[in-house]
Amino acid sequence: MPKKILFGGDLHKKPVDPNNIAGYVNCNIAVQRELMRTIVERNIDVFIELGDWYDRGYVSDVPASLADTELDREMSRILKGEFYGVIGNHIKLRMDSNPELFLIQPHPTLKTSRIVPREEQIIKTPSKLKYGTVQISFMHWGAGNGSLSDFIPVRDADTTYHIALFHTEHVVPNQQLQQAGLNVNVYTMSDISECLKGVDLAICGHIHKPIGLFKVGHTYHNTHMIVPGSLTNSDSAVLGRHSEVKLPLITINDDNTVKLEFLLFDLKTNLLEFKLEEKKEKEKDSKLDGIRAGRKKIQYSTGSGLIELEASPSMYTLMNLTKRLGYSEADKKMITTILHTPNDVGALIDIYTRSEGDEMEAL
C-alpha cells in the first residue's frame, strides 16, 4: 500500500508572544491545527518535522508547556505514532525546560534531568526510516562536532532511492543562498558534493526563507534539494516575512517508485501583527548596509562562468577557517589550548601524542 509522507519544519513554538509579534502563539496553534486537518483530509501516513519544532525552553510556564505538548500528542495519535522529527539547534536553548526535549524521550544521548517513564517517543527521532527500498536519513543537529563531515548520510546497499533530511544551511550551495538574500556558508561545492554523493533528494530545515526546489549538480550525480521555509514568521523583519510555504509531499508506491508533489500551505499571517517600528526598520537596514559594505567579495566558478558573492563576517572566523582547511580535531584542540593556556606545554604534547597514536592505530 502506498505511503504518503509530508514534511515541514521550524514551527518555533513559544509560550508567549514575542515583544515584536502580536498573535504569535495563537497563529502557531492555528498552523498546527491546519496541519492536522490536512493530514486527515489528504490521508497522510507520516509527518516529519525538519527541526526546531519548539523555539526554546519554557522555563517555569508549565500551563503553556502542557497545552502545547498535548497538541503534539494529539497529532501523534492522528498519525498512529508516525510523527517523526529532525533534531535542530534550538533544542539546546534552555534545554531542560524545552518541551521538545520531553517529547523525544527516551533518547540515547539527549536526556531530561528527570527520567520520563515512557517506552516510546511522541516525536520519534530515528537515524533512518526504510519503506521498501526507499531510505530516509535523519541528519540530526549536534550528532558530531558541527562540521559538514559529520552530516554525511550513509546509503544502504539495497537502497534504490535515498532521501536525506538536514537542519543546516551548510549543505545548500552558495548560489541558492545568495539568491535568497542569505549569507554564504563556509563550505565549497567540493565539500557539499561529498556530503550529497549518495543522496537523491535532500530536504533542508533551519532556513526560514522559502527557496523551493532546485538541482545540485556535483561530482557524483545530480541531487534535487528542497528548502521549503519555516512554518512560522519568528522574526518581524520585512525581508524575512512569508505568508505561505510549499510543503513537500512524498508518495512511496508499492514498487518503490517515488512521487514528489507540493502542498501550498497558508501560514495564517492574518493573525499576526508585526510591531517593528519604521524607525527601527530603517536603523536596521542602515546597519546592514554598513556590514555589507565591509564584506569581502569572493568569486565562485559555475558552469556558466564566475559569480561574485558577498561573504558574511562569520565566514572568516577562526573555527570556520579550520573547517575549510580541513584541520583535524587534534589541530583544533592544539589551537584552542594555545589561545587559552599558552604556557601549558604538557597539554600540547599530550594532544600531539594522542593524535600520533590514533594515526598509527589507523594504519
Protein backbone atom coordinates (compact mmCIF):
# COMPACT_ATOMS: atom_id res chain seq x y z
CA MET A 1 0.00 0.00 0.00
CA PRO A 2 1.47 3.45 -0.91
CA LYS A 3 2.94 5.51 1.93
CA LYS A 4 2.30 9.28 1.94
CA ILE A 5 4.86 11.39 3.81
CA LEU A 6 4.53 15.14 4.46
CA PHE A 7 7.47 17.36 5.52
CA GLY A 8 7.54 20.75 7.25
CA GLY A 9 9.64 22.40 9.92
CA ASP A 10 10.75 25.32 12.07
CA LEU A 11 7.43 25.93 13.77
CA HIS A 12 9.32 27.56 16.69
CA LYS A 13 6.57 27.23 19.27
CA LYS A 14 6.83 29.71 22.16
CA PRO A 15 5.00 30.02 25.49
CA VAL A 16 4.13 33.70 24.96
CA ASP A 17 4.12 36.19 22.12
CA PRO A 18 7.49 37.83 21.44
CA ASN A 19 7.57 41.59 22.02
CA ASN A 20 7.57 42.42 18.32
CA ILE A 21 4.89 39.99 17.03
CA ALA A 22 1.39 40.06 18.50
CA GLY A 23 -0.72 36.94 17.95
CA TYR A 24 2.32 34.66 17.53
CA VAL A 25 1.16 31.89 19.90
CA ASN A 26 -2.39 31.76 18.52
CA CYS A 27 -1.01 31.73 14.98
CA ASN A 28 1.27 28.77 15.77
CA ILE A 29 -1.65 26.84 17.24
CA ALA A 30 -3.76 27.61 14.15
CA VAL A 31 -0.94 26.47 11.86
CA GLN A 32 -0.53 23.17 13.70
CA ARG A 33 -4.28 22.55 13.73
CA GLU A 34 -4.38 23.22 9.99
CA LEU A 35 -1.52 20.74 9.55
CA MET A 36 -3.53 18.15 11.47
CA ARG A 37 -6.62 18.86 9.37
CA THR A 38 -4.53 18.48 6.18
CA ILE A 39 -3.09 15.19 7.43
CA VAL A 40 -6.59 13.78 7.92
CA GLU A 41 -8.03 15.26 4.73
CA ARG A 42 -5.18 14.07 2.49
CA ASN A 43 -4.79 10.68 4.22
CA ILE A 44 -1.18 11.43 5.15
CA ASP A 45 0.51 8.43 6.80
CA VAL A 46 3.69 10.10 8.09
CA PHE A 47 4.65 13.64 9.09
CA ILE A 48 8.31 14.57 9.52
CA GLU A 49 9.21 17.89 11.08
CA LEU A 50 12.54 19.30 9.92
CA GLY A 51 13.79 20.65 13.26
CA ASP A 52 13.15 23.46 15.76
CA TRP A 53 9.55 22.44 16.41
CA TYR A 54 9.96 24.49 19.59
CA ASP A 55 11.88 27.74 19.83
CA ARG A 56 13.46 27.18 23.26
CA GLY A 57 12.70 26.17 26.82
CA TYR A 58 9.51 27.39 28.51
CA VAL A 59 11.30 27.93 31.87
CA SER A 60 8.54 27.87 34.53
CA ASP A 61 5.49 28.28 32.25
CA VAL A 62 4.03 24.85 32.97
CA PRO A 63 0.48 25.57 31.63
CA ALA A 64 1.85 26.63 28.22
CA SER A 65 4.14 23.61 28.08
CA LEU A 66 1.35 21.18 28.92
CA ALA A 67 -1.05 22.76 26.41
CA ASP A 68 1.47 22.73 23.56
CA THR A 69 2.71 19.20 24.16
CA GLU A 70 -0.88 17.95 24.35
CA LEU A 71 -1.39 19.22 20.79
CA ASP A 72 1.66 17.19 19.74
CA ARG A 73 0.26 14.12 21.49
CA GLU A 74 -2.97 14.53 19.54
CA MET A 75 -1.02 14.92 16.29
CA SER A 76 0.86 11.72 17.05
CA ARG A 77 -2.43 9.91 17.69
CA ILE A 78 -3.80 11.10 14.34
CA LEU A 79 -0.66 9.77 12.65
CA LYS A 80 -0.89 6.47 14.58
CA GLY A 81 2.56 7.13 16.04
CA GLU A 82 4.26 8.04 12.76
CA PHE A 83 5.21 11.56 13.86
CA TYR A 84 8.97 11.97 13.32
CA GLY A 85 11.43 14.81 13.70
CA VAL A 86 14.92 16.01 12.91
CA ILE A 87 16.68 17.42 15.97
CA GLY A 88 17.50 21.08 15.37
CA ASN A 89 19.87 23.51 17.04
CA HIS A 90 17.20 25.22 19.17
CA ILE A 91 16.76 22.18 21.38
CA LYS A 92 19.84 23.40 23.27
CA LEU A 93 18.22 26.72 24.23
CA ARG A 94 17.06 26.48 27.85
CA MET A 95 17.33 22.82 27.15
CA ASP A 96 15.90 21.17 30.25
CA SER A 97 12.65 23.13 30.06
CA ASN A 98 12.33 22.73 26.29
CA PRO A 99 9.12 20.75 25.65
CA GLU A 100 10.72 19.22 22.56
CA LEU A 101 13.34 17.53 24.75
CA PHE A 102 10.49 15.97 26.75
CA LEU A 103 8.69 14.85 23.59
CA ILE A 104 11.71 12.94 22.21
CA GLN A 105 12.22 10.89 25.38
CA PRO A 106 13.51 8.28 25.75
CA HIS A 107 16.57 9.43 23.78
CA PRO A 108 20.01 7.75 23.95
CA THR A 109 22.02 10.96 24.46
CA LEU A 110 19.72 13.98 24.91
CA LYS A 111 18.15 13.34 28.29
CA THR A 112 15.94 15.28 30.68
CA SER A 113 17.18 15.82 34.24
CA ARG A 114 14.29 13.68 35.45
CA ILE A 115 13.68 10.35 33.72
CA VAL A 116 10.47 10.28 31.67
CA PRO A 117 8.74 6.91 32.31
CA ARG A 118 7.78 6.28 28.70
CA GLU A 119 8.77 3.46 26.35
CA GLU A 120 8.16 5.29 23.07
CA GLN A 121 8.89 8.83 21.87
CA ILE A 122 6.00 11.11 20.98
CA ILE A 123 8.12 12.78 18.30
CA LYS A 124 10.33 9.95 17.09
CA THR A 125 13.94 10.75 16.15
CA PRO A 126 15.43 7.71 14.39
CA SER A 127 18.66 7.81 12.40
CA LYS A 128 16.78 6.47 9.38
CA LEU A 129 13.47 5.08 8.13
CA LYS A 130 13.12 2.43 5.46
CA TYR A 131 10.00 1.87 3.36
CA GLY A 132 10.75 -0.98 0.99
CA THR A 133 14.00 0.08 -0.68
CA VAL A 134 13.39 3.81 -0.13
CA GLN A 135 15.58 5.20 2.65
CA ILE A 136 15.06 8.40 4.66
CA SER A 137 18.13 9.51 6.65
CA PHE A 138 17.80 11.93 9.59
CA MET A 139 20.92 14.09 9.90
CA HIS A 140 20.27 15.40 13.40
CA TRP A 141 21.95 18.59 14.55
CA GLY A 142 24.65 18.10 17.15
CA ALA A 143 25.35 14.46 16.28
CA GLY A 144 29.04 15.30 15.71
CA ASN A 145 31.30 18.32 16.03
CA GLY A 146 29.33 20.55 13.70
CA SER A 147 31.42 20.24 10.54
CA LEU A 148 29.90 19.10 7.27
CA SER A 149 31.77 15.80 7.52
CA ASP A 150 29.50 14.96 10.49
CA PHE A 151 26.43 15.22 8.25
CA ILE A 152 27.26 12.70 5.51
CA PRO A 153 24.33 10.26 5.16
CA VAL A 154 25.18 6.59 4.72
CA ARG A 155 23.24 4.91 1.93
CA ASP A 156 22.28 1.28 2.48
CA ALA A 157 23.47 -1.20 -0.15
CA ASP A 158 19.90 -2.15 -1.15
CA THR A 159 18.55 1.42 -1.26
CA THR A 160 17.06 2.42 -4.62
CA TYR A 161 16.10 6.00 -3.63
CA HIS A 162 17.71 7.97 -0.81
CA ILE A 163 16.13 10.99 0.90
CA ALA A 164 18.28 12.89 3.41
CA LEU A 165 16.90 15.42 5.91
CA PHE A 166 19.12 18.22 7.19
CA HIS A 167 18.80 21.07 9.68
CA THR A 168 21.64 23.26 8.46
CA GLU A 169 22.44 25.73 5.72
CA HIS A 170 25.86 24.16 5.15
CA VAL A 171 24.63 21.69 2.51
CA VAL A 172 22.96 24.43 0.45
CA PRO A 173 25.11 25.82 -2.40
CA ASN A 174 26.10 29.45 -2.01
CA GLN A 175 24.41 30.39 -5.27
CA GLN A 176 20.98 29.49 -3.85
CA LEU A 177 21.73 31.14 -0.50
CA GLN A 178 22.80 34.32 -2.26
CA GLN A 179 19.70 34.37 -4.46
CA ALA A 180 17.58 34.13 -1.31
CA GLY A 181 19.45 37.09 0.22
CA LEU A 182 21.18 34.89 2.80
CA ASN A 183 24.81 34.81 3.91
CA VAL A 184 27.07 32.39 2.10
CA ASN A 185 28.33 29.47 4.14
CA VAL A 186 31.85 28.21 4.79
CA TYR A 187 31.73 25.14 2.58
CA THR A 188 32.69 24.72 -1.07
CA MET A 189 30.87 22.72 -3.73
CA SER A 190 33.52 20.03 -3.28
CA ASP A 191 32.53 19.68 0.40
CA ILE A 192 28.83 19.65 -0.46
CA SER A 193 29.45 17.10 -3.21
CA GLU A 194 30.99 14.67 -0.71
CA CYS A 195 28.04 15.13 1.63
CA LEU A 196 25.41 14.52 -1.07
CA LYS A 197 27.14 11.78 -3.06
CA GLY A 198 24.64 9.08 -2.07
CA VAL A 199 21.56 11.31 -1.86
CA ASP A 200 18.81 11.54 -4.48
CA LEU A 201 16.70 14.12 -2.65
CA ALA A 202 17.76 16.45 0.18
CA ILE A 203 15.21 18.39 2.24
CA CYS A 204 16.60 21.17 4.44
CA GLY A 205 15.14 22.84 7.50
CA HIS A 206 16.76 25.66 9.54
CA ILE A 207 16.49 28.17 6.67
CA HIS A 208 13.32 30.17 7.28
CA LYS A 209 13.04 31.88 3.91
CA PRO A 210 11.50 29.56 1.28
CA ILE A 211 13.84 28.76 -1.61
CA GLY A 212 11.93 25.83 -3.08
CA LEU A 213 13.14 23.01 -5.33
CA PHE A 214 16.42 23.15 -7.25
CA LYS A 215 19.04 20.81 -8.62
CA VAL A 216 22.52 20.49 -7.13
CA GLY A 217 24.92 19.23 -9.76
CA HIS A 218 28.06 17.73 -8.26
CA THR A 219 30.88 15.27 -8.86
CA TYR A 220 28.87 12.09 -8.36
CA HIS A 221 25.40 12.78 -9.77
CA ASN A 222 22.60 15.32 -9.50
CA THR A 223 20.81 15.72 -6.18
CA HIS A 224 17.49 17.51 -6.02
CA MET A 225 17.18 19.76 -2.99
CA ILE A 226 14.19 21.41 -1.34
CA VAL A 227 14.29 24.30 1.13
CA PRO A 228 10.58 24.71 1.96
CA GLY A 229 11.00 27.51 4.53
CA SER A 230 9.66 27.80 8.05
CA LEU A 231 6.10 27.19 9.22
CA THR A 232 6.17 30.46 11.14
CA ASN A 233 7.45 34.00 10.96
CA SER A 234 9.66 34.11 14.03
CA ASP A 235 11.14 37.50 13.14
CA SER A 236 9.35 40.76 12.41
CA ALA A 237 11.86 41.94 9.78
CA VAL A 238 10.10 42.70 6.49
CA LEU A 239 12.64 40.90 4.29
CA GLY A 240 12.16 37.57 6.04
CA ARG A 241 8.36 37.51 6.08
CA HIS A 242 6.39 34.95 4.09
CA SER A 243 2.71 34.06 4.15
CA GLU A 244 2.81 30.56 2.63
CA VAL A 245 5.10 27.60 2.04
CA LYS A 246 5.03 24.68 -0.37
CA LEU A 247 5.31 21.56 1.77
CA PRO A 248 6.95 18.54 0.11
CA LEU A 249 4.65 15.52 -0.10
CA ILE A 250 6.31 12.22 -1.00
CA THR A 251 4.34 9.14 -2.04
CA ILE A 252 6.26 5.85 -1.94
CA ASN A 253 4.50 3.31 -4.13
CA ASP A 254 4.42 -0.46 -3.70
CA ASP A 255 7.01 -0.87 -6.47
CA ASN A 256 9.39 1.51 -4.56
CA THR A 257 8.93 4.35 -7.06
CA VAL A 258 8.74 7.83 -5.55
CA LYS A 259 6.36 10.63 -6.46
CA LEU A 260 7.06 14.22 -5.33
CA GLU A 261 4.42 16.93 -5.15
CA PHE A 262 3.91 20.11 -3.14
CA LEU A 263 1.05 21.29 -0.94
CA LEU A 264 0.55 25.05 -0.82
CA PHE A 265 0.14 25.81 2.88
CA ASP A 266 -1.18 29.06 4.39
CA LEU A 267 0.78 30.32 7.43
CA LYS A 268 -2.20 32.28 8.87
CA THR A 269 -0.25 35.55 8.88
CA ASN A 270 -3.57 37.41 9.06
CA LEU A 271 -3.48 36.52 12.77
CA LEU A 272 -0.18 38.35 13.28
CA GLU A 273 0.63 41.97 13.99
CA PHE A 274 4.27 42.89 13.38
CA LYS A 275 5.38 45.65 15.72
CA LEU A 276 8.77 46.60 14.34
CA GLU A 277 8.66 50.38 14.15
CA GLU A 278 9.50 52.02 10.86
CA LYS A 279 12.36 53.92 12.52
CA LYS A 280 13.89 50.71 13.87
CA GLU A 281 13.50 49.07 10.47
CA LYS A 282 15.41 51.91 8.83
CA GLU A 283 18.11 51.79 11.50
CA LYS A 284 18.43 48.04 10.95
CA ASP A 285 18.70 48.48 7.17
CA SER A 286 21.34 51.17 7.67
CA LYS A 287 23.35 48.90 9.96
CA LEU A 288 23.08 46.05 7.45
CA ASP A 289 24.27 48.36 4.68
CA GLY A 290 27.37 49.12 6.76
CA ILE A 291 28.03 45.42 7.32
CA ARG A 292 27.57 44.65 3.64
CA ALA A 293 29.94 47.45 2.66
CA GLY A 294 32.65 45.83 4.80
CA ARG A 295 32.24 42.36 3.40
CA LYS A 296 34.84 40.80 1.19
CA LYS A 297 33.94 39.62 -2.29
CA ILE A 298 34.52 36.02 -3.28
CA GLN A 299 34.44 34.57 -6.77
CA TYR A 300 32.94 31.14 -7.35
CA SER A 301 33.22 29.13 -10.52
CA THR A 302 29.99 27.82 -12.01
CA GLY A 303 29.10 26.10 -15.26
CA SER A 304 28.20 29.46 -16.78
CA GLY A 305 31.27 31.33 -15.58
CA LEU A 306 32.27 33.22 -12.44
CA ILE A 307 29.81 34.67 -9.96
CA GLU A 308 30.79 37.14 -7.28
CA LEU A 309 29.29 36.77 -3.81
CA GLU A 310 29.45 38.75 -0.61
CA ALA A 311 30.78 36.72 2.29
CA SER A 312 29.42 37.21 5.77
CA PRO A 313 31.90 38.22 8.51
CA SER A 314 31.32 34.87 10.21
CA MET A 315 32.89 33.16 7.23
CA TYR A 316 36.28 34.41 8.40
CA THR A 317 36.12 33.25 12.00
CA LEU A 318 38.96 31.02 13.17
CA MET A 319 36.80 27.92 13.60
CA ASN A 320 35.24 28.29 10.15
CA LEU A 321 38.72 28.73 8.67
CA THR A 322 39.87 25.46 10.29
CA LYS A 323 36.83 23.72 8.80
CA ARG A 324 37.58 24.99 5.31
CA LEU A 325 41.23 23.99 5.55
CA GLY A 326 40.35 20.50 6.78
CA TYR A 327 42.16 20.69 10.12
CA SER A 328 41.95 17.57 12.26
CA GLU A 329 40.32 17.50 15.68
CA ALA A 330 43.81 17.37 17.23
CA ASP A 331 44.80 20.51 15.30
CA LYS A 332 41.72 22.32 16.60
CA LYS A 333 42.41 21.23 20.19
CA MET A 334 46.01 22.45 19.95
CA ILE A 335 44.87 25.84 18.59
CA THR A 336 42.31 26.18 21.39
CA THR A 337 44.91 25.23 24.02
CA ILE A 338 47.43 27.76 22.67
CA LEU A 339 44.78 30.52 22.73
CA HIS A 340 43.55 29.82 26.26
CA THR A 341 46.52 28.26 28.09
CA PRO A 342 49.64 29.05 26.03
CA ASN A 343 52.00 28.04 28.85
CA ASP A 344 50.57 24.54 29.20
CA VAL A 345 53.19 22.76 27.09
CA GLY A 346 52.29 19.42 28.69
CA ALA A 347 48.75 19.63 27.35
CA LEU A 348 50.06 20.31 23.83
CA ILE A 349 52.42 17.35 23.99
CA ASP A 350 49.59 15.13 25.24
CA ILE A 351 47.29 16.18 22.37
CA TYR A 352 50.06 15.60 19.82
CA THR A 353 51.00 12.21 21.30
CA ARG A 354 47.39 11.01 21.33
CA SER A 355 46.96 12.17 17.73
CA GLU A 356 50.06 10.30 16.59
CA GLY A 357 48.86 7.18 18.39
CA ASP A 358 45.46 7.36 16.70
CA GLU A 359 47.10 7.65 13.27
CA MET A 360 49.30 4.64 13.95
CA GLU A 361 46.27 2.58 15.01
CA ALA A 362 44.51 3.59 11.81
CA LEU A 363 47.45 2.25 9.79
